[in-house]
Amino acid sequence: MDKASVRAMVIKKVVDELYLDEQFVTEQIDAMEKELGDDLYGRDTIAEVVARMLDIMDDVEWSSDKSGLVDKPVKKVN
């Protein structure tokens, strides 16, 4: 896979699995690219990005704009 494909896959996976804003995830990946360069796109790319996101989320001053998800009712299927 080329870098662009890996990047798109990682963004989608992190947004879907951690319920984070796509812009936030993209900004973090941009910062990681500046820091790590092509080394970011190795075998453990998703793990590295998720670890960085979890570190950010663990910060007591961080808040998600999707925190209201728990207030939404669950859709029932007949």
PDB file of N, CA and C in Angstrom:
ATOM      1  N   MET A   1       0.842  -1.185   0.000  1.00  0.00           N
ATOM      2  CA  MET A   1       0.000   0.000   0.000  1.00  0.00           C
ATOM      3  C   MET A   1       0.883   1.242   0.000  1.00  0.00           C
ATOM      4  N   ASP A   2       0.441   2.244  -0.706  1.00  0.00           N
ATOM      5  CA  ASP A   2       1.191   3.496  -0.696  1.00  0.00           C
ATOM      6  C   ASP A   2       0.822   4.307   0.549  1.00  0.00           C
ATOM      7  N   LYS A   3       1.600   5.349   0.780  1.00  0.00           N
ATOM      8  CA  LYS A   3       1.438   6.172   1.980  1.00  0.00           C
ATOM      9  C   LYS A   3       0.037   6.778   2.089  1.00  0.00           C
ATOM     10  N   ALA A   4      -0.494   7.277   0.979  1.00  0.00           N
ATOM     11  CA  ALA A   4      -1.813   7.917   1.005  1.00  0.00           C
ATOM     12  C   ALA A   4      -2.906   6.916   1.393  1.00  0.00           C
ATOM     13  N   SER A   5      -2.796   5.699   0.893  1.00  0.00           N
ATOM     14  CA  SER A   5      -3.787   4.664   1.221  1.00  0.00           C
ATOM     15  C   SER A   5      -3.715   4.276   2.691  1.00  0.00           C
ATOM     16  N   VAL A   6      -2.502   4.121   3.195  1.00  0.00           N
ATOM     17  CA  VAL A   6      -2.325   3.776   4.610  1.00  0.00           C
ATOM     18  C   VAL A   6      -2.865   4.901   5.483  1.00  0.00           C
ATOM     19  N   ARG A   7      -2.550   6.131   5.120  1.00  0.00           N
ATOM     20  CA  ARG A   7      -3.014   7.296   5.881  1.00  0.00           C
ATOM     21  C   ARG A   7      -4.541   7.330   5.937  1.00  0.00           C
ATOM     22  N   ALA A   8      -5.192   7.158   4.793  1.00  0.00           N
ATOM     23  CA  ALA A   8      -6.656   7.180   4.733  1.00  0.00           C
ATOM     24  C   ALA A   8      -7.256   6.052   5.570  1.00  0.00           C
ATOM     25  N   MET A   9      -6.661   4.873   5.495  1.00  0.00           N
ATOM     26  CA  MET A   9      -7.151   3.731   6.258  1.00  0.00           C
ATOM     27  C   MET A   9      -7.013   3.979   7.761  1.00  0.00           C
ATOM     28  N   VAL A  10      -5.875   4.521   8.172  1.00  0.00           N
ATOM     29  CA  VAL A  10      -5.635   4.785   9.593  1.00  0.00           C
ATOM     30  C   VAL A  10      -6.614   5.834  10.110  1.00  0.00           C
ATOM     31  N   ILE A  11      -6.804   6.900   9.357  1.00  0.00           N
ATOM     32  CA  ILE A  11      -7.743   7.950   9.780  1.00  0.00           C
ATOM     33  C   ILE A  11      -9.136   7.366   9.954  1.00  0.00           C
ATOM     34  N   LYS A  12      -9.602   6.608   8.965  1.00  0.00           N
ATOM     35  CA  LYS A  12     -10.945   6.020   9.041  1.00  0.00           C
ATOM     36  C   LYS A  12     -11.067   5.085  10.239  1.00  0.00           C
ATOM     37  N   LYS A  13     -10.082   4.238  10.435  1.00  0.00           N
ATOM     38  CA  LYS A  13     -10.119   3.259  11.528  1.00  0.00           C
ATOM     39  C   LYS A  13     -10.147   3.955  12.893  1.00  0.00           C
ATOM     40  N   VAL A  14      -9.299   4.953  13.080  1.00  0.00           N
ATOM     41  CA  VAL A  14      -9.234   5.654  14.367  1.00  0.00           C
ATOM     42  C   VAL A  14     -10.518   6.443  14.616  1.00  0.00           C
ATOM     43  N   VAL A  15     -11.026   7.122  13.599  1.00  0.00           N
ATOM     44  CA  VAL A  15     -12.275   7.882  13.741  1.00  0.00           C
ATOM     45  C   VAL A  15     -13.422   6.944  14.105  1.00  0.00           C
ATOM     46  N   ASP A  16     -13.520   5.813  13.392  1.00  0.00           N
ATOM     47  CA  ASP A  16     -14.616   4.870  13.628  1.00  0.00           C
ATOM     48  C   ASP A  16     -14.518   4.171  14.981  1.00  0.00           C
ATOM     49  N   GLU A  17     -13.322   3.761  15.362  1.00  0.00           N
ATOM     50  CA  GLU A  17     -13.156   2.965  16.582  1.00  0.00           C
ATOM     51  C   GLU A  17     -13.128   3.806  17.857  1.00  0.00           C
ATOM     52  N   LEU A  18     -12.569   5.006  17.790  1.00  0.00           N
ATOM     53  CA  LEU A  18     -12.451   5.842  18.989  1.00  0.00           C
ATOM     54  C   LEU A  18     -13.477   6.972  19.029  1.00  0.00           C
ATOM     55  N   TYR A  19     -14.343   7.047  18.008  1.00  0.00           N
ATOM     56  CA  TYR A  19     -15.375   8.084  17.935  1.00  0.00           C
ATOM     57  C   TYR A  19     -14.793   9.486  18.037  1.00  0.00           C
ATOM     58  N   LEU A  20     -13.707   9.714  17.313  1.00  0.00           N
ATOM     59  CA  LEU A  20     -13.056  11.020  17.330  1.00  0.00           C
ATOM     60  C   LEU A  20     -13.380  11.787  16.061  1.00  0.00           C
ATOM     61  N   ASP A  21     -13.261  13.094  16.144  1.00  0.00           N
ATOM     62  CA  ASP A  21     -13.478  13.972  15.005  1.00  0.00           C
ATOM     63  C   ASP A  21     -12.378  13.753  13.971  1.00  0.00           C
ATOM     64  N   GLU A  22     -12.762  13.641  12.707  1.00  0.00           N
ATOM     65  CA  GLU A  22     -11.790  13.371  11.644  1.00  0.00           C
ATOM     66  C   GLU A  22     -10.734  14.467  11.539  1.00  0.00           C
ATOM     67  N   GLN A  23     -11.127  15.711  11.721  1.00  0.00           N
ATOM     68  CA  GLN A  23     -10.173  16.824  11.657  1.00  0.00           C
ATOM     69  C   GLN A  23      -9.119  16.698  12.755  1.00  0.00           C
ATOM     70  N   PHE A  24      -9.550  16.329  13.957  1.00  0.00           N
ATOM     71  CA  PHE A  24      -8.627  16.137  15.078  1.00  0.00           C
ATOM     72  C   PHE A  24      -7.622  15.030  14.764  1.00  0.00           C
ATOM     73  N   VAL A  25      -8.112  13.907  14.264  1.00  0.00           N
ATOM     74  CA  VAL A  25      -7.240  12.774  13.934  1.00  0.00           C
ATOM     75  C   VAL A  25      -6.261  13.165  12.834  1.00  0.00           C
ATOM     76  N   THR A  26      -6.749  13.872  11.818  1.00  0.00           N
ATOM     77  CA  THR A  26      -5.892  14.308  10.712  1.00  0.00           C
ATOM     78  C   THR A  26      -4.789  15.231  11.219  1.00  0.00           C
ATOM     79  N   GLU A  27      -5.131  16.158  12.096  1.00  0.00           N
ATOM     80  CA  GLU A  27      -4.126  17.071  12.659  1.00  0.00           C
ATOM     81  C   GLU A  27      -3.061  16.305  13.438  1.00  0.00           C
ATOM     82  N   GLN A  28      -3.473  15.294  14.193  1.00  0.00           N
ATOM     83  CA  GLN A  28      -2.510  14.509  14.966  1.00  0.00           C
ATOM     84  C   GLN A  28      -1.599  13.697  14.052  1.00  0.00           C
ATOM     85  N   ILE A  29      -2.160  13.144  12.990  1.00  0.00           N
ATOM     86  CA  ILE A  29      -1.340  12.380  12.042  1.00  0.00           C
ATOM     87  C   ILE A  29      -0.376  13.314  11.320  1.00  0.00           C
ATOM     88  N   ASP A  30      -0.833  14.516  10.976  1.00  0.00           N
ATOM     89  CA  ASP A  30       0.072  15.501  10.361  1.00  0.00           C
ATOM     90  C   ASP A  30       1.255  15.789  11.283  1.00  0.00           C
ATOM     91  N   ALA A  31       0.964  15.975  12.569  1.00  0.00           N
ATOM     92  CA  ALA A  31       2.030  16.248  13.543  1.00  0.00           C
ATOM     93  C   ALA A  31       2.974  15.055  13.662  1.00  0.00           C
ATOM     94  N   MET A  32       2.418  13.858  13.644  1.00  0.00           N
ATOM     95  CA  MET A  32       3.254  12.658  13.730  1.00  0.00           C
ATOM     96  C   MET A  32       4.116  12.494  12.478  1.00  0.00           C
ATOM     97  N   GLU A  33       3.570  12.869  11.316  1.00  0.00           N
ATOM     98  CA  GLU A  33       4.348  12.801  10.069  1.00  0.00           C
ATOM     99  C   GLU A  33       5.548  13.744  10.132  1.00  0.00           C
ATOM    100  N   LYS A  34       5.329  14.942  10.663  1.00  0.00           N
ATOM    101  CA  LYS A  34       6.436  15.899  10.792  1.00  0.00           C
ATOM    102  C   LYS A  34       7.503  15.362  11.733  1.00  0.00           C
ATOM    103  N   GLU A  35       7.059  14.688  12.783  1.00  0.00           N
ATOM    104  CA  GLU A  35       7.979  14.168  13.791  1.00  0.00           C
ATOM    105  C   GLU A  35       8.707  12.908  13.317  1.00  0.00           C
ATOM    106  N   LEU A  36       7.980  11.991  12.678  1.00  0.00           N
ATOM    107  CA  LEU A  36       8.537  10.682  12.348  1.00  0.00           C
ATOM    108  C   LEU A  36       8.864  10.474  10.872  1.00  0.00           C
ATOM    109  N   GLY A  37       8.310  11.324  10.005  1.00  0.00           N
ATOM    110  CA  GLY A  37       8.547  11.159   8.570  1.00  0.00           C
ATOM    111  C   GLY A  37       7.968   9.848   8.062  1.00  0.00           C
ATOM    112  N   ASP A  38       8.669   9.206   7.128  1.00  0.00           N
ATOM    113  CA  ASP A  38       8.188   7.959   6.533  1.00  0.00           C
ATOM    114  C   ASP A  38       8.168   6.799   7.524  1.00  0.00           C
ATOM    115  N   ASP A  39       8.881   6.940   8.642  1.00  0.00           N
ATOM    116  CA  ASP A  39       8.874   5.876   9.655  1.00  0.00           C
ATOM    117  C   ASP A  39       7.484   5.660  10.245  1.00  0.00           C
ATOM    118  N   LEU A  40       6.625   6.677  10.161  1.00  0.00           N
ATOM    119  CA  LEU A  40       5.259   6.543  10.662  1.00  0.00           C
ATOM    120  C   LEU A  40       4.515   5.447   9.917  1.00  0.00           C
ATOM    121  N   TYR A  41       4.823   5.268   8.646  1.00  0.00           N
ATOM    122  CA  TYR A  41       4.069   4.331   7.815  1.00  0.00           C
ATOM    123  C   TYR A  41       4.701   2.951   7.778  1.00  0.00           C
ATOM    124  N   GLY A  42       5.082   2.477   8.945  1.00  0.00           N
ATOM    125  CA  GLY A  42       5.632   1.132   9.060  1.00  0.00           C
ATOM    126  C   GLY A  42       4.545   0.143   9.432  1.00  0.00           C
ATOM    127  N   ARG A  43       4.967  -0.955   9.966  1.00  0.00           N
ATOM    128  CA  ARG A  43       4.064  -2.052  10.288  1.00  0.00           C
ATOM    129  C   ARG A  43       3.083  -1.702  11.406  1.00  0.00           C
ATOM    130  N   ASP A  44       3.481  -0.863  12.330  1.00  0.00           N
ATOM    131  CA  ASP A  44       2.664  -0.576  13.508  1.00  0.00           C
ATOM    132  C   ASP A  44       1.997   0.795  13.456  1.00  0.00           C
ATOM    133  N   THR A  45       1.675   1.260  12.272  1.00  0.00           N
ATOM    134  CA  THR A  45       1.121   2.607  12.113  1.00  0.00           C
ATOM    135  C   THR A  45      -0.137   2.825  12.941  1.00  0.00           C
ATOM    136  N   ILE A  46      -1.107   1.935  12.821  1.00  0.00           N
ATOM    137  CA  ILE A  46      -2.370   2.115  13.544  1.00  0.00           C
ATOM    138  C   ILE A  46      -2.120   2.103  15.046  1.00  0.00           C
ATOM    139  N   ALA A  47      -1.281   1.197  15.507  1.00  0.00           N
ATOM    140  CA  ALA A  47      -0.992   1.119  16.943  1.00  0.00           C
ATOM    141  C   ALA A  47      -0.345   2.406  17.447  1.00  0.00           C
ATOM    142  N   GLU A  48       0.576   2.969  16.669  1.00  0.00           N
ATOM    143  CA  GLU A  48       1.239   4.210  17.075  1.00  0.00           C
ATOM    144  C   GLU A  48       0.252   5.366  17.143  1.00  0.00           C
ATOM    145  N   VAL A  49      -0.614   5.468  16.142  1.00  0.00           N
ATOM    146  CA  VAL A  49      -1.591   6.559  16.108  1.00  0.00           C
ATOM    147  C   VAL A  49      -2.587   6.403  17.255  1.00  0.00           C
ATOM    148  N   VAL A  50      -3.085   5.190  17.472  1.00  0.00           N
ATOM    149  CA  VAL A  50      -4.036   4.959  18.558  1.00  0.00           C
ATOM    150  C   VAL A  50      -3.391   5.260  19.909  1.00  0.00           C
ATOM    151  N   ALA A  51      -2.144   4.849  20.090  1.00  0.00           N
ATOM    152  CA  ALA A  51      -1.450   5.141  21.350  1.00  0.00           C
ATOM    153  C   ALA A  51      -1.346   6.642  21.578  1.00  0.00           C
ATOM    154  N   ARG A  52      -1.034   7.391  20.531  1.00  0.00           N
ATOM    155  CA  ARG A  52      -0.945   8.852  20.656  1.00  0.00           C
ATOM    156  C   ARG A  52      -2.311   9.433  21.010  1.00  0.00           C
ATOM    157  N   MET A  53      -3.372   8.960  20.344  1.00  0.00           N
ATOM    158  CA  MET A  53      -4.721   9.466  20.617  1.00  0.00           C
ATOM    159  C   MET A  53      -5.135   9.158  22.056  1.00  0.00           C
ATOM    160  N   LEU A  54      -4.828   7.948  22.523  1.00  0.00           N
ATOM    161  CA  LEU A  54      -5.194   7.578  23.889  1.00  0.00           C
ATOM    162  C   LEU A  54      -4.436   8.412  24.910  1.00  0.00           C
ATOM    163  N   ASP A  55      -3.189   8.737  24.623  1.00  0.00           N
ATOM    164  CA  ASP A  55      -2.431   9.630  25.507  1.00  0.00           C
ATOM    165  C   ASP A  55      -3.095  10.995  25.589  1.00  0.00           C
ATOM    166  N   ILE A  56      -3.531  11.506  24.446  1.00  0.00           N
ATOM    167  CA  ILE A  56      -4.198  12.812  24.413  1.00  0.00           C
ATOM    168  C   ILE A  56      -5.514  12.739  25.180  1.00  0.00           C
ATOM    169  N   MET A  57      -6.290  11.668  24.958  1.00  0.00           N
ATOM    170  CA  MET A  57      -7.581  11.519  25.617  1.00  0.00           C
ATOM    171  C   MET A  57      -7.426  11.350  27.127  1.00  0.00           C
ATOM    172  N   ASP A  58      -6.293  10.832  27.569  1.00  0.00           N
ATOM    173  CA  ASP A  58      -6.031  10.622  28.992  1.00  0.00           C
ATOM    174  C   ASP A  58      -5.744  11.935  29.723  1.00  0.00           C
ATOM    175  N   ASP A  59      -5.413  12.975  28.971  1.00  0.00           N
ATOM    176  CA  ASP A  59      -5.136  14.292  29.544  1.00  0.00           C
ATOM    177  C   ASP A  59      -6.423  14.838  30.163  1.00  0.00           C
ATOM    178  N   VAL A  60      -6.354  15.281  31.403  1.00  0.00           N
ATOM    179  CA  VAL A  60      -7.550  15.749  32.110  1.00  0.00           C
ATOM    180  C   VAL A  60      -8.172  16.995  31.486  1.00  0.00           C
ATOM    181  N   GLU A  61      -7.420  17.739  30.700  1.00  0.00           N
ATOM    182  CA  GLU A  61      -7.950  18.957  30.093  1.00  0.00           C
ATOM    183  C   GLU A  61      -8.536  18.716  28.708  1.00  0.00           C
ATOM    184  N   TRP A  62      -8.467  17.480  28.200  1.00  0.00           N
ATOM    185  CA  TRP A  62      -8.978  17.166  26.871  1.00  0.00           C
ATOM    186  C   TRP A  62     -10.447  16.809  26.960  1.00  0.00           C
ATOM    187  N   SER A  63     -11.242  17.254  25.989  1.00  0.00           N
ATOM    188  CA  SER A  63     -12.646  16.849  25.933  1.00  0.00           C
ATOM    189  C   SER A  63     -13.042  16.619  24.484  1.00  0.00           C
ATOM    190  N   SER A  64     -13.901  15.658  24.286  1.00  0.00           N
ATOM    191  CA  SER A  64     -14.346  15.289  22.942  1.00  0.00           C
ATOM    192  C   SER A  64     -15.645  16.003  22.617  1.00  0.00           C
ATOM    193  N   ASP A  65     -15.794  16.400  21.367  1.00  0.00           N
ATOM    194  CA  ASP A  65     -17.048  17.021  20.954  1.00  0.00           C
ATOM    195  C   ASP A  65     -18.117  15.961  20.693  1.00  0.00           C
ATOM    196  N   LYS A  66     -17.770  14.691  20.829  1.00  0.00           N
ATOM    197  CA  LYS A  66     -18.740  13.622  20.619  1.00  0.00           C
ATOM    198  C   LYS A  66     -19.155  12.983  21.942  1.00  0.00           C
ATOM    199  N   SER A  67     -18.934  13.659  23.042  1.00  0.00           N
ATOM    200  CA  SER A  67     -19.264  13.098  24.351  1.00  0.00           C
ATOM    201  C   SER A  67     -20.764  12.913  24.528  1.00  0.00           C
ATOM    202  N   GLY A  68     -21.574  13.595  23.736  1.00  0.00           N
ATOM    203  CA  GLY A  68     -23.021  13.474  23.833  1.00  0.00           C
ATOM    204  C   GLY A  68     -23.580  12.207  23.220  1.00  0.00           C
ATOM    205  N   LEU A  69     -22.729  11.343  22.709  1.00  0.00           N
ATOM    206  CA  LEU A  69     -23.208  10.115  22.081  1.00  0.00           C
ATOM    207  C   LEU A  69     -24.009   9.252  23.044  1.00  0.00           C
ATOM    208  N   VAL A  70     -23.668   9.264  24.315  1.00  0.00           N
ATOM    209  CA  VAL A  70     -24.382   8.427  25.280  1.00  0.00           C
ATOM    210  C   VAL A  70     -25.798   8.935  25.523  1.00  0.00           C
ATOM    211  N   ASP A  71     -26.075  10.173  25.175  1.00  0.00           N
ATOM    212  CA  ASP A  71     -27.403  10.735  25.381  1.00  0.00           C
ATOM    213  C   ASP A  71     -28.379  10.340  24.280  1.00  0.00           C
ATOM    214  N   LYS A  72     -27.868   9.811  23.188  1.00  0.00           N
ATOM    215  CA  LYS A  72     -28.729   9.470  22.059  1.00  0.00           C
ATOM    216  C   LYS A  72     -29.335   8.085  22.271  1.00  0.00           C
ATOM    217  N   PRO A  73     -30.626   7.929  21.935  1.00  0.00           N
ATOM    218  CA  PRO A  73     -31.258   6.625  22.126  1.00  0.00           C
ATOM    219  C   PRO A  73     -30.716   5.594  21.131  1.00  0.00           C
ATOM    220  N   VAL A  74     -30.798   4.354  21.532  1.00  0.00           N
ATOM    221  CA  VAL A  74     -30.379   3.264  20.656  1.00  0.00           C
ATOM    222  C   VAL A  74     -31.512   2.966  19.695  1.00  0.00           C
ATOM    223  N   LYS A  75     -31.186   2.834  18.429  1.00  0.00           N
ATOM    224  CA  LYS A  75     -32.195   2.543  17.416  1.00  0.00           C
ATOM    225  C   LYS A  75     -32.608   1.081  17.534  1.00  0.00           C
ATOM    226  N   LYS A  76     -33.898   0.833  17.600  1.00  0.00           N
ATOM    227  CA  LYS A  76     -34.386  -0.542  17.716  1.00  0.00           C
ATOM    228  C   LYS A  76     -34.733  -1.076  16.333  1.00  0.00           C
ATOM    229  N   VAL A  77     -34.345  -2.306  16.102  1.00  0.00           N
ATOM    230  CA  VAL A  77     -34.633  -2.960  14.827  1.00  0.00           C
ATOM    231  C   VAL A  77     -35.691  -4.017  15.073  1.00  0.00           C
ATOM    232  N   ASN A  78     -36.737  -3.990  14.264  1.00  0.00           N
ATOM    233  CA  ASN A  78     -37.822  -4.985  14.428  1.00  0.00           C
ATOM    234  C   ASN A  78     -37.509  -6.254  13.703  1.00  0.00           C
TER     235      ASN A  78
END
